[in-house]
C-alpha atoms as a PDB file:
ATOM      1  CA  MET A   1      39.366   0.060  13.041  1.00  0.00           C
ATOM      2  CA  ALA A   2      36.260   0.176  11.141  1.00  0.00           C
ATOM      3  CA  ALA A   3      36.712  -3.142   9.543  1.00  0.00           C
ATOM      4  CA  ALA A   4      35.361  -4.726  12.306  1.00  0.00           C
ATOM      5  CA  LEU A   5      33.343  -7.074  11.940  1.00  0.00           C
ATOM      6  CA  PHE A   6      29.296  -6.522  11.756  1.00  0.00           C
ATOM      7  CA  THR A   7      27.901  -8.212  14.461  1.00  0.00           C
ATOM      8  CA  GLY A   8      23.864  -6.209  13.727  1.00  0.00           C
ATOM      9  CA  GLN A   9      24.307  -3.962  17.004  1.00  0.00           C
ATOM     10  CA  PRO A  10      21.576  -1.725  16.340  1.00  0.00           C
ATOM     11  CA  TYR A  11      22.507   2.171  14.995  1.00  0.00           C
ATOM     12  CA  THR A  12      25.755   0.644  13.166  1.00  0.00           C
ATOM     13  CA  MET A  13      25.748  -0.547   9.519  1.00  0.00           C
ATOM     14  CA  GLU A  14      28.180  -2.397   7.020  1.00  0.00           C
ATOM     15  CA  TYR A  15      29.486  -1.555   3.210  1.00  0.00           C
ATOM     16  CA  GLY A  16      32.549  -2.484   1.650  1.00  0.00           C
ATOM     17  CA  GLY A  17      34.394  -3.566   4.738  1.00  0.00           C
ATOM     18  CA  VAL A  18      33.718  -0.392   7.038  1.00  0.00           C
ATOM     19  CA  LEU A  19      31.780  -0.583   9.745  1.00  0.00           C
ATOM     20  CA  LEU A  20      30.018   2.680  10.603  1.00  0.00           C
ATOM     21  CA  GLY A  21      28.665   3.831  14.334  1.00  0.00           C
ATOM     22  CA  ALA A  22      29.271   1.209  17.570  1.00  0.00           C
ATOM     23  CA  PRO A  23      32.971   1.661  19.296  1.00  0.00           C
ATOM     24  CA  GLY A  24      34.989   2.434  17.224  1.00  0.00           C
ATOM     25  CA  SER A  25      36.836   5.502  15.035  1.00  0.00           C
ATOM     26  CA  VAL A  26      34.104   5.683  12.674  1.00  0.00           C
ATOM     27  CA  VAL A  27      30.442   7.824  14.136  1.00  0.00           C
ATOM     28  CA  LEU A  28      27.738   7.539  12.885  1.00  0.00           C
ATOM     29  CA  HIS A  29      25.186  10.434  12.059  1.00  0.00           C
ATOM     30  CA  GLU A  30      21.622  10.583  10.576  1.00  0.00           C
ATOM     31  CA  PRO A  31      21.470   7.515   7.563  1.00  0.00           C
ATOM     32  CA  GLY A  32      18.623   9.229   5.888  1.00  0.00           C
ATOM     33  CA  GLY A  33      16.021   7.153   3.374  1.00  0.00           C
ATOM     34  CA  LEU A  34      16.010   3.927   4.194  1.00  0.00           C
ATOM     35  CA  LEU A  35      12.103   4.245   5.005  1.00  0.00           C
ATOM     36  CA  ASP A  36      11.216   7.079   2.157  1.00  0.00           C
ATOM     37  CA  GLY A  37       9.014   5.538  -0.212  1.00  0.00           C
ATOM     38  CA  PRO A  38      11.652   5.162  -3.406  1.00  0.00           C
ATOM     39  CA  GLU A  39      10.531   7.621  -6.238  1.00  0.00           C
ATOM     40  CA  VAL A  40       7.924   5.679  -8.770  1.00  0.00           C
ATOM     41  CA  ARG A  41       7.629   6.146 -12.569  1.00  0.00           C
ATOM     42  CA  THR A  42       3.604   5.962 -13.491  1.00  0.00           C
ATOM     43  CA  ALA A  43       1.639   5.389 -17.152  1.00  0.00           C
ATOM     44  CA  ASP A  44      -0.522   8.381 -16.275  1.00  0.00           C
ATOM     45  CA  ARG A  45      -2.859  10.263 -18.623  1.00  0.00           C
ATOM     46  CA  THR A  46      -3.988  13.393 -18.834  1.00  0.00           C
ATOM     47  CA  LEU A  47      -7.356  13.801 -20.660  1.00  0.00           C
ATOM     48  CA  LEU A  48      -8.232  14.704 -23.538  1.00  0.00           C
ATOM     49  CA  GLN A  49     -10.458  17.376 -23.094  1.00  0.00           C
ATOM     50  CA  ARG A  50     -11.941  16.610 -19.682  1.00  0.00           C
ATOM     51  CA  HIS A  51     -10.567  17.452 -16.400  1.00  0.00           C
ATOM     52  CA  GLY A  52      -8.249  15.425 -14.661  1.00  0.00           C
ATOM     53  CA  ALA A  53      -6.531  11.977 -15.030  1.00  0.00           C
ATOM     54  CA  SER A  54      -6.212   8.316 -16.411  1.00  0.00           C
ATOM     55  CA  THR A  55      -3.899   6.426 -13.605  1.00  0.00           C
ATOM     56  CA  GLY A  56      -1.674   4.029 -15.361  1.00  0.00           C
ATOM     57  CA  ALA A  57       0.610   1.194 -12.993  1.00  0.00           C
ATOM     58  CA  ASP A  58       2.746   2.426 -10.493  1.00  0.00           C
ATOM     59  CA  TYR A  59       6.645   1.506 -10.450  1.00  0.00           C
ATOM     60  CA  LEU A  60       8.678   1.912  -7.742  1.00  0.00           C
ATOM     61  CA  GLY A  61      12.142   2.878  -9.098  1.00  0.00           C
ATOM     62  CA  ALA A  62      15.246   3.837  -7.436  1.00  0.00           C
ATOM     63  CA  ARG A  63      16.151   4.086  -3.926  1.00  0.00           C
ATOM     64  CA  THR A  64      18.895   6.688  -2.026  1.00  0.00           C
ATOM     65  CA  VAL A  65      20.596   6.734   1.124  1.00  0.00           C
ATOM     66  CA  THR A  66      22.500   9.416   2.535  1.00  0.00           C
ATOM     67  CA  LEU A  67      24.933   8.485   4.934  1.00  0.00           C
ATOM     68  CA  SER A  68      26.467  11.328   7.279  1.00  0.00           C
ATOM     69  CA  PHE A  69      29.575  10.624   9.682  1.00  0.00           C
ATOM     70  CA  THR A  70      32.768  11.548  10.780  1.00  0.00           C
ATOM     71  CA  VAL A  71      35.510   9.614  11.159  1.00  0.00           C
ATOM     72  CA  LEU A  72      38.076   9.971  14.608  1.00  0.00           C
ATOM     73  CA  ASP A  73      42.141  10.279  14.068  1.00  0.00           C
ATOM     74  CA  ASP A  74      43.307   7.016  12.836  1.00  0.00           C
ATOM     75  CA  PRO A  75      44.800   7.372   9.692  1.00  0.00           C
ATOM     76  CA  ALA A  76      44.154   4.021   9.212  1.00  0.00           C
ATOM     77  CA  THR A  77      40.955   4.178   9.069  1.00  0.00           C
ATOM     78  CA  LEU A  78      39.603   7.708   6.515  1.00  0.00           C
ATOM     79  CA  ALA A  79      42.438   5.811   4.462  1.00  0.00           C
ATOM     80  CA  ASP A  80      39.750   2.790   4.381  1.00  0.00           C
ATOM     81  CA  VAL A  81      36.493   5.451   4.367  1.00  0.00           C
ATOM     82  CA  LEU A  82      38.153   7.634   1.526  1.00  0.00           C
ATOM     83  CA  ARG A  83      38.700   4.209  -0.549  1.00  0.00           C
ATOM     84  CA  VAL A  84      35.315   2.505  -0.117  1.00  0.00           C
ATOM     85  CA  PHE A  85      33.313   5.424  -0.129  1.00  0.00           C
ATOM     86  CA  GLN A  86      34.490   6.742  -4.376  1.00  0.00           C
ATOM     87  CA  PRO A  87      31.935   7.271  -6.695  1.00  0.00           C
ATOM     88  CA  GLY A  88      32.280   5.594  -9.392  1.00  0.00           C
ATOM     89  CA  GLY A  89      33.560   2.033  -7.561  1.00  0.00           C
ATOM     90  CA  GLY A  90      31.140  -0.727  -8.286  1.00  0.00           C
ATOM     91  CA  ASP A  91      27.793  -2.312  -6.260  1.00  0.00           C
ATOM     92  CA  ARG A  92      28.218  -2.936  -2.699  1.00  0.00           C
ATOM     93  CA  THR A  93      26.100  -4.744   0.381  1.00  0.00           C
ATOM     94  CA  LEU A  94      25.188  -2.448   2.971  1.00  0.00           C
ATOM     95  CA  ARG A  95      24.125  -4.059   5.758  1.00  0.00           C
ATOM     96  CA  PHE A  96      22.424  -2.834   7.972  1.00  0.00           C
ATOM     97  CA  ALA A  97      20.579  -2.524  12.301  1.00  0.00           C
ATOM     98  CA  VAL A  98      18.145  -0.287  12.180  1.00  0.00           C
ATOM     99  CA  PRO A  99      15.316  -1.284  14.965  1.00  0.00           C
ATOM    100  CA  GLY A 100      12.133  -1.095  13.405  1.00  0.00           C
ATOM    101  CA  VAL A 101      13.287  -1.181   9.788  1.00  0.00           C
ATOM    102  CA  ALA A 102      13.294  -4.246   7.540  1.00  0.00           C
ATOM    103  CA  GLY A 103      13.096  -6.809  10.502  1.00  0.00           C
ATOM    104  CA  GLY A 104      15.973  -5.033  12.657  1.00  0.00           C
ATOM    105  CA  LEU A 105      18.829  -6.219  10.641  1.00  0.00           C
ATOM    106  CA  GLY A 106      18.787  -5.939   6.897  1.00  0.00           C
ATOM    107  CA  ARG A 107      21.148  -5.231   3.744  1.00  0.00           C
ATOM    108  CA  LEU A 108      20.974  -3.262   0.174  1.00  0.00           C
ATOM    109  CA  THR A 109      22.969  -2.977  -2.134  1.00  0.00           C
ATOM    110  CA  ALA A 110      24.245   0.442  -3.050  1.00  0.00           C
ATOM    111  CA  ARG A 111      27.111   1.952  -5.290  1.00  0.00           C
ATOM    112  CA  VAL A 112      28.979   5.333  -3.971  1.00  0.00           C
ATOM    113  CA  ARG A 113      27.349   8.456  -6.619  1.00  0.00           C
ATOM    114  CA  LYS A 114      28.574  11.769  -4.139  1.00  0.00           C
ATOM    115  CA  ARG A 115      30.099  12.174  -1.555  1.00  0.00           C
ATOM    116  CA  SER A 116      31.256  15.680   0.460  1.00  0.00           C
ATOM    117  CA  ALA A 117      34.479  16.058   3.064  1.00  0.00           C
ATOM    118  CA  PRO A 118      35.106  19.393   4.033  1.00  0.00           C
ATOM    119  CA  THR A 119      39.077  19.425   5.160  1.00  0.00           C
ATOM    120  CA  GLY A 120      38.375  22.992   7.268  1.00  0.00           C
ATOM    121  CA  ALA A 121      39.297  23.880  10.707  1.00  0.00           C
ATOM    122  CA  VAL A 122      37.841  20.280  12.603  1.00  0.00           C
ATOM    123  CA  PHE A 123      38.768  17.756  10.013  1.00  0.00           C
ATOM    124  CA  ALA A 124      42.358  19.558  10.813  1.00  0.00           C
ATOM    125  CA  ALA A 125      41.015  18.927  14.314  1.00  0.00           C
ATOM    126  CA  GLY A 126      41.322  15.268  13.711  1.00  0.00           C
ATOM    127  CA  ALA A 127      37.664  14.511  13.334  1.00  0.00           C
ATOM    128  CA  ALA A 128      36.617  13.998   9.335  1.00  0.00           C
ATOM    129  CA  ARG A 129      33.228  14.481   9.015  1.00  0.00           C
ATOM    130  CA  PHE A 130      31.553  12.720   5.600  1.00  0.00           C
ATOM    131  CA  ASP A 131      27.757  13.107   3.848  1.00  0.00           C
ATOM    132  CA  VAL A 132      27.865  10.352   0.920  1.00  0.00           C
ATOM    133  CA  GLU A 133      25.052   9.050  -0.383  1.00  0.00           C
ATOM    134  CA  LEU A 134      24.292   5.406  -1.887  1.00  0.00           C
ATOM    135  CA  TRP A 135      22.696   4.675  -4.915  1.00  0.00           C
ATOM    136  CA  ALA A 136      20.233   1.312  -5.235  1.00  0.00           C
ATOM    137  CA  ALA A 137      18.860   0.716  -8.282  1.00  0.00           C
ATOM    138  CA  ASP A 138      16.350  -2.120  -6.529  1.00  0.00           C
ATOM    139  CA  PRO A 139      14.544   0.070  -3.981  1.00  0.00           C
ATOM    140  CA  VAL A 140      13.406  -3.117  -1.487  1.00  0.00           C
ATOM    141  CA  LEU A 141      15.476  -3.405   2.309  1.00  0.00           C
ATOM    142  CA  TYR A 142      16.036  -7.318   2.014  1.00  0.00           C
ATOM    143  CA  ALA A 143      16.530  -8.954   5.886  1.00  0.00           C
ATOM    144  CA  ASP A 144      20.427  -9.864   6.262  1.00  0.00           C
ATOM    145  CA  ARG A 145      19.165 -13.165   7.371  1.00  0.00           C
ATOM    146  CA  GLU A 146      18.601 -15.663   4.609  1.00  0.00           C
ATOM    147  CA  THR A 147      15.454 -18.146   5.278  1.00  0.00           C
ATOM    148  CA  THR A 148      15.326 -21.474   3.084  1.00  0.00           C
ATOM    149  CA  GLY A 149      12.135 -24.690   3.629  1.00  0.00           C
ATOM    150  CA  ARG A 150      11.761 -27.558   2.206  1.00  0.00           C
ATOM    151  CA  VAL A 151       9.228 -28.012  -0.913  1.00  0.00           C
ATOM    152  CA  LEU A 152       7.988 -31.142  -1.025  1.00  0.00           C
ATOM    153  CA  PRO A 153       5.240 -33.197  -3.018  1.00  0.00           C
ATOM    154  CA  VAL A 154       1.278 -34.105  -2.257  1.00  0.00           C
ATOM    155  CA  SER A 155       2.092 -37.636  -2.622  1.00  0.00           C
ATOM    156  CA  PRO A 156       4.246 -39.679  -4.698  1.00  0.00           C
ATOM    157  CA  ARG A 157       3.969 -40.241  -7.869  1.00  0.00           C
ATOM    158  CA  GLY A 158       5.496 -44.284  -7.440  1.00  0.00           C
ATOM    159  CA  SER A 159       5.222 -46.684  -4.660  1.00  0.00           C
ATOM    160  CA  ALA A 160       7.116 -50.037  -3.749  1.00  0.00           C
ATOM    161  CA  ARG A 161       5.287 -53.081  -4.489  1.00  0.00           C
ATOM    162  CA  VAL A 162       4.051 -54.426  -1.594  1.00  0.00           C
ATOM    163  CA  PHE A 163       1.969 -56.518  -2.522  1.00  0.00           C
ATOM    164  CA  PRO A 164       1.553 -60.239  -1.608  1.00  0.00           C
ATOM    165  CA  PHE A 165       1.809 -59.773   1.727  1.00  0.00           C
ATOM    166  CA  ARG A 166       3.941 -61.908   3.498  1.00  0.00           C
ATOM    167  CA  PHE A 167       4.975 -62.808   7.217  1.00  0.00           C
ATOM    168  CA  PRO A 168       5.840 -61.211   8.886  1.00  0.00           C
ATOM    169  CA  PHE A 169       5.655 -57.615   7.347  1.00  0.00           C
ATOM    170  CA  GLY A 170       6.956 -54.660   7.726  1.00  0.00           C
ATOM    171  CA  PHE A 171       6.332 -52.428   5.679  1.00  0.00           C
ATOM    172  CA  MET A 172       9.877 -50.111   5.785  1.00  0.00           C
ATOM    173  CA  ARG A 173      11.537 -53.952   4.957  1.00  0.00           C
ATOM    174  CA  ALA A 174       8.760 -53.318   2.177  1.00  0.00           C
ATOM    175  CA  GLY A 175      10.090 -51.100   0.873  1.00  0.00           C
ATOM    176  CA  ALA A 176       7.172 -48.554   1.652  1.00  0.00           C
ATOM    177  CA  VAL A 177       7.906 -45.022   1.261  1.00  0.00           C
ATOM    178  CA  SER A 178       6.145 -42.135   4.175  1.00  0.00           C
ATOM    179  CA  ILE A 179       5.954 -38.518   2.935  1.00  0.00           C
ATOM    180  CA  SER A 180       5.768 -35.475   4.755  1.00  0.00           C
ATOM    181  CA  PRO A 181       2.284 -33.916   2.958  1.00  0.00           C
ATOM    182  CA  PRO A 182       3.415 -30.025   1.891  1.00  0.00           C
ATOM    183  CA  ALA A 183       3.641 -27.620   4.308  1.00  0.00           C
ATOM    184  CA  ASP A 184       2.824 -23.891   4.719  1.00  0.00           C
ATOM    185  CA  ILE A 185       5.583 -21.491   4.354  1.00  0.00           C
ATOM    186  CA  THR A 186       5.071 -18.227   6.647  1.00  0.00           C
ATOM    187  CA  VAL A 187       6.708 -15.094   4.196  1.00  0.00           C
ATOM    188  CA  ASP A 188       7.122 -11.565   6.498  1.00  0.00           C
ATOM    189  CA  GLY A 189       7.804  -8.339   5.428  1.00  0.00           C
ATOM    190  CA  ASN A 190       5.518  -5.927   3.813  1.00  0.00           C
ATOM    191  CA  THR A 191       5.823  -6.914  -0.156  1.00  0.00           C
ATOM    192  CA  ALA A 192       6.367  -9.534  -2.335  1.00  0.00           C
ATOM    193  CA  THR A 193      10.519 -10.919  -2.579  1.00  0.00           C
ATOM    194  CA  TRP A 194      11.860 -13.470  -5.059  1.00  0.00           C
ATOM    195  CA  PRO A 195      13.161 -16.765  -4.220  1.00  0.00           C
ATOM    196  CA  THR A 196      14.996 -19.653  -5.849  1.00  0.00           C
ATOM    197  CA  TYR A 197      14.561 -23.061  -5.788  1.00  0.00           C
ATOM    198  CA  THR A 198      16.895 -26.141  -5.939  1.00  0.00           C
ATOM    199  CA  ILE A 199      16.352 -29.530  -7.080  1.00  0.00           C
ATOM    200  CA  THR A 200      19.181 -31.930  -7.201  1.00  0.00           C
ATOM    201  CA  GLY A 201      18.625 -35.201  -9.413  1.00  0.00           C
ATOM    202  CA  PRO A 202      17.339 -37.245 -10.899  1.00  0.00           C
ATOM    203  CA  VAL A 203      14.852 -35.545 -11.757  1.00  0.00           C
ATOM    204  CA  VAL A 204      12.140 -35.968 -15.219  1.00  0.00           C
ATOM    205  CA  ASN A 205      10.111 -32.063 -15.947  1.00  0.00           C
ATOM    206  CA  PRO A 206      10.499 -30.803 -12.294  1.00  0.00           C
ATOM    207  CA  SER A 207       7.704 -28.223 -11.537  1.00  0.00           C
ATOM    208  CA  ILE A 208       6.982 -25.189  -8.541  1.00  0.00           C
ATOM    209  CA  LEU A 209       2.963 -24.756  -7.686  1.00  0.00           C
ATOM    210  CA  ASN A 210       2.162 -22.112  -5.933  1.00  0.00           C
ATOM    211  CA  ARG A 211      -1.234 -23.610  -4.322  1.00  0.00           C
ATOM    212  CA  THR A 212      -2.284 -20.573  -3.040  1.00  0.00           C
ATOM    213  CA  THR A 213      -2.385 -18.522  -6.348  1.00  0.00           C
ATOM    214  CA  GLY A 214      -2.717 -21.438  -8.514  1.00  0.00           C
ATOM    215  CA  GLU A 215       1.026 -19.687 -10.016  1.00  0.00           C
ATOM    216  CA  ARG A 216       3.096 -22.391 -11.992  1.00  0.00           C
ATOM    217  CA  ILE A 217       6.912 -22.652 -13.403  1.00  0.00           C
ATOM    218  CA  MET A 218       7.618 -25.868 -14.859  1.00  0.00           C
ATOM    219  CA  VAL A 219      11.458 -27.327 -16.068  1.00  0.00           C
ATOM    220  CA  GLN A 220      11.973 -29.577 -19.749  1.00  0.00           C
ATOM    221  CA  LEU A 221      14.503 -31.774 -18.906  1.00  0.00           C
ATOM    222  CA  ALA A 222      15.491 -34.822 -17.055  1.00  0.00           C
ATOM    223  CA  VAL A 223      18.246 -33.635 -14.072  1.00  0.00           C
ATOM    224  CA  PRO A 224      20.600 -36.500 -14.446  1.00  0.00           C
ATOM    225  CA  THR A 225      21.295 -38.092 -10.468  1.00  0.00           C
ATOM    226  CA  ALA A 226      22.914 -36.068  -8.173  1.00  0.00           C
ATOM    227  CA  GLU A 227      23.686 -33.048 -11.140  1.00  0.00           C
ATOM    228  CA  VAL A 228      21.612 -29.569  -9.866  1.00  0.00           C
ATOM    229  CA  LEU A 229      19.105 -27.513 -10.528  1.00  0.00           C
ATOM    230  CA  THR A 230      18.639 -24.023 -10.080  1.00  0.00           C
ATOM    231  CA  ILE A 231      15.657 -21.903 -10.838  1.00  0.00           C
ATOM    232  CA  ASP A 232      16.481 -17.942  -9.117  1.00  0.00           C
ATOM    233  CA  THR A 233      13.258 -15.816  -9.591  1.00  0.00           C
ATOM    234  CA  LYS A 234      15.014 -13.139  -9.454  1.00  0.00           C
ATOM    235  CA  ALA A 235      17.468 -13.456 -12.282  1.00  0.00           C
ATOM    236  CA  ARG A 236      14.802 -15.494 -14.551  1.00  0.00           C
ATOM    237  CA  ALA A 237      17.436 -18.034 -14.977  1.00  0.00           C
ATOM    238  CA  VAL A 238      17.384 -21.359 -14.927  1.00  0.00           C
ATOM    239  CA  ARG A 239      20.958 -23.735 -15.017  1.00  0.00           C
ATOM    240  CA  LEU A 240      21.690 -27.139 -14.441  1.00  0.00           C
ATOM    241  CA  ASN A 241      24.812 -27.084 -12.948  1.00  0.00           C
ATOM    242  CA  GLY A 242      25.148 -23.751 -14.257  1.00  0.00           C
ATOM    243  CA  ALA A 243      25.112 -23.447 -17.401  1.00  0.00           C
ATOM    244  CA  SER A 244      21.638 -21.788 -18.794  1.00  0.00           C
ATOM    245  CA  ARG A 245      19.314 -23.877 -19.658  1.00  0.00           C
ATOM    246  CA  TYR A 246      15.893 -20.825 -19.885  1.00  0.00           C
ATOM    247  CA  GLY A 247      15.137 -23.118 -22.758  1.00  0.00           C
ATOM    248  CA  ALA A 248      13.929 -25.828 -21.183  1.00  0.00           C
ATOM    249  CA  LEU A 249      11.061 -22.828 -19.265  1.00  0.00           C
ATOM    250  CA  SER A 250       7.166 -25.130 -20.212  1.00  0.00           C
ATOM    251  CA  PRO A 251       5.172 -22.437 -22.367  1.00  0.00           C
ATOM    252  CA  ASP A 252       2.609 -22.053 -19.358  1.00  0.00           C
ATOM    253  CA  SER A 253       5.137 -21.212 -16.884  1.00  0.00           C
ATOM    254  CA  VAL A 254       4.910 -18.133 -14.907  1.00  0.00           C
ATOM    255  CA  TRP A 255       7.808 -16.398 -13.319  1.00  0.00           C
ATOM    256  CA  PHE A 256       5.352 -15.712  -9.716  1.00  0.00           C
ATOM    257  CA  PRO A 257       7.120 -13.844  -6.485  1.00  0.00           C
ATOM    258  CA  LEU A 258       6.599 -15.429  -3.229  1.00  0.00           C
ATOM    259  CA  ARG A 259       3.581 -13.037  -1.045  1.00  0.00           C
ATOM    260  CA  PRO A 260       3.899 -11.856   2.763  1.00  0.00           C
ATOM    261  CA  GLY A 261       1.699 -15.138   4.765  1.00  0.00           C
ATOM    262  CA  THR A 262       0.868 -17.972   4.545  1.00  0.00           C
ATOM    263  CA  VAL A 263       2.161 -20.097   1.145  1.00  0.00           C
ATOM    264  CA  ARG A 264       1.574 -23.425   0.304  1.00  0.00           C
ATOM    265  CA  LEU A 265       4.190 -24.552  -2.384  1.00  0.00           C
ATOM    266  CA  GLU A 266       4.237 -27.870  -4.002  1.00  0.00           C
ATOM    267  CA  PHE A 267       7.320 -30.086  -6.201  1.00  0.00           C
ATOM    268  CA  ASP A 268       4.955 -32.686  -8.975  1.00  0.00           C
ATOM    269  CA  ASP A 269       8.040 -33.857 -11.936  1.00  0.00           C
ATOM    270  CA  LEU A 270       7.894 -37.372 -13.659  1.00  0.00           C
ATOM    271  CA  LEU A 271       9.834 -39.974 -12.659  1.00  0.00           C
ATOM    272  CA  GLY A 272       8.185 -39.636  -8.950  1.00  0.00           C
ATOM    273  CA  ASP A 273      11.783 -40.709  -6.893  1.00  0.00           C
ATOM    274  CA  LYS A 274      10.828 -40.964  -3.120  1.00  0.00           C
ATOM    275  CA  ALA A 275      13.644 -38.882  -2.247  1.00  0.00           C
ATOM    276  CA  ARG A 276      12.187 -35.811  -5.187  1.00  0.00           C
ATOM    277  CA  GLY A 277      11.407 -32.166  -3.907  1.00  0.00           C
ATOM    278  CA  ALA A 278      13.390 -28.707  -3.972  1.00  0.00           C
ATOM    279  CA  ASP A 279      15.429 -26.375  -1.835  1.00  0.00           C
ATOM    280  CA  VAL A 280      13.637 -22.805  -1.472  1.00  0.00           C
ATOM    281  CA  ARG A 281      15.580 -19.811   0.100  1.00  0.00           C
ATOM    282  CA  TRP A 282      14.725 -16.023   0.171  1.00  0.00           C
ATOM    283  CA  ARG A 283      14.848 -13.299   2.110  1.00  0.00           C
ATOM    284  CA  ALA A 284      12.039 -11.028   3.551  1.00  0.00           C
ATOM    285  CA  ALA A 285      11.246  -8.146   1.498  1.00  0.00           C
ATOM    286  CA  TRP A 286      10.004  -3.902   3.272  1.00  0.00           C
ATOM    287  CA  ILE A 287       9.320  -1.533   1.017  1.00  0.00           C
END
């Protein structure tokens, strides 16, 4: 069946639960567009009464991916393909395993814009040939597996009282706090990616600082114990227990991505609880 599980076997894809390639009734011929450069929108301007143009900023447009495959004699699989690869069906995730592309196991979100399926002699013999055009509004290719990490503070704002000494003396019994300093994280890929931060209360005015670039994002909000604050930098969203708190962003906050290479992130807040910190998750990204 076409709905077999996608395991990441080289030169296979999965879209809407339909498996393309690998042993089965769908033979994948030639996917195109994964390594093509997306279209570019530019702000170039023609120079008046002079040769040439004034160079403007370039922005990437959408990405088009083309799939060619043949469905062999399996009516159930053919029905699945016709249902899933239907123009106007909305966005779905295309997962793909192509060596050398997006780390070998990647994904993008796209919708079907065109479908060609001739019904000639080959079709009558039980081999239905499909050519499908997928349109991805976000041209970036992402790693199929999400990377996670922990953002820690440089040092605790508060500390347990350990003076005066009382013998026998033990730091753990006295309540002293041992923390790990912030660690560098490594971001794979060849283009910037947008992370999501999850912070569990209690915290007050939590902030994330990119020590590498000096960019910071801060939410001026008291998060009660066990409640969850989410900062989604790609969606430009701040939510407390799922409800929007976008207005709590500080005026000097900057939405910053994680760029390929080594990055050091630091957490801070006014409460200074010993367990404070933020969980961060992201997908490596490629163009």
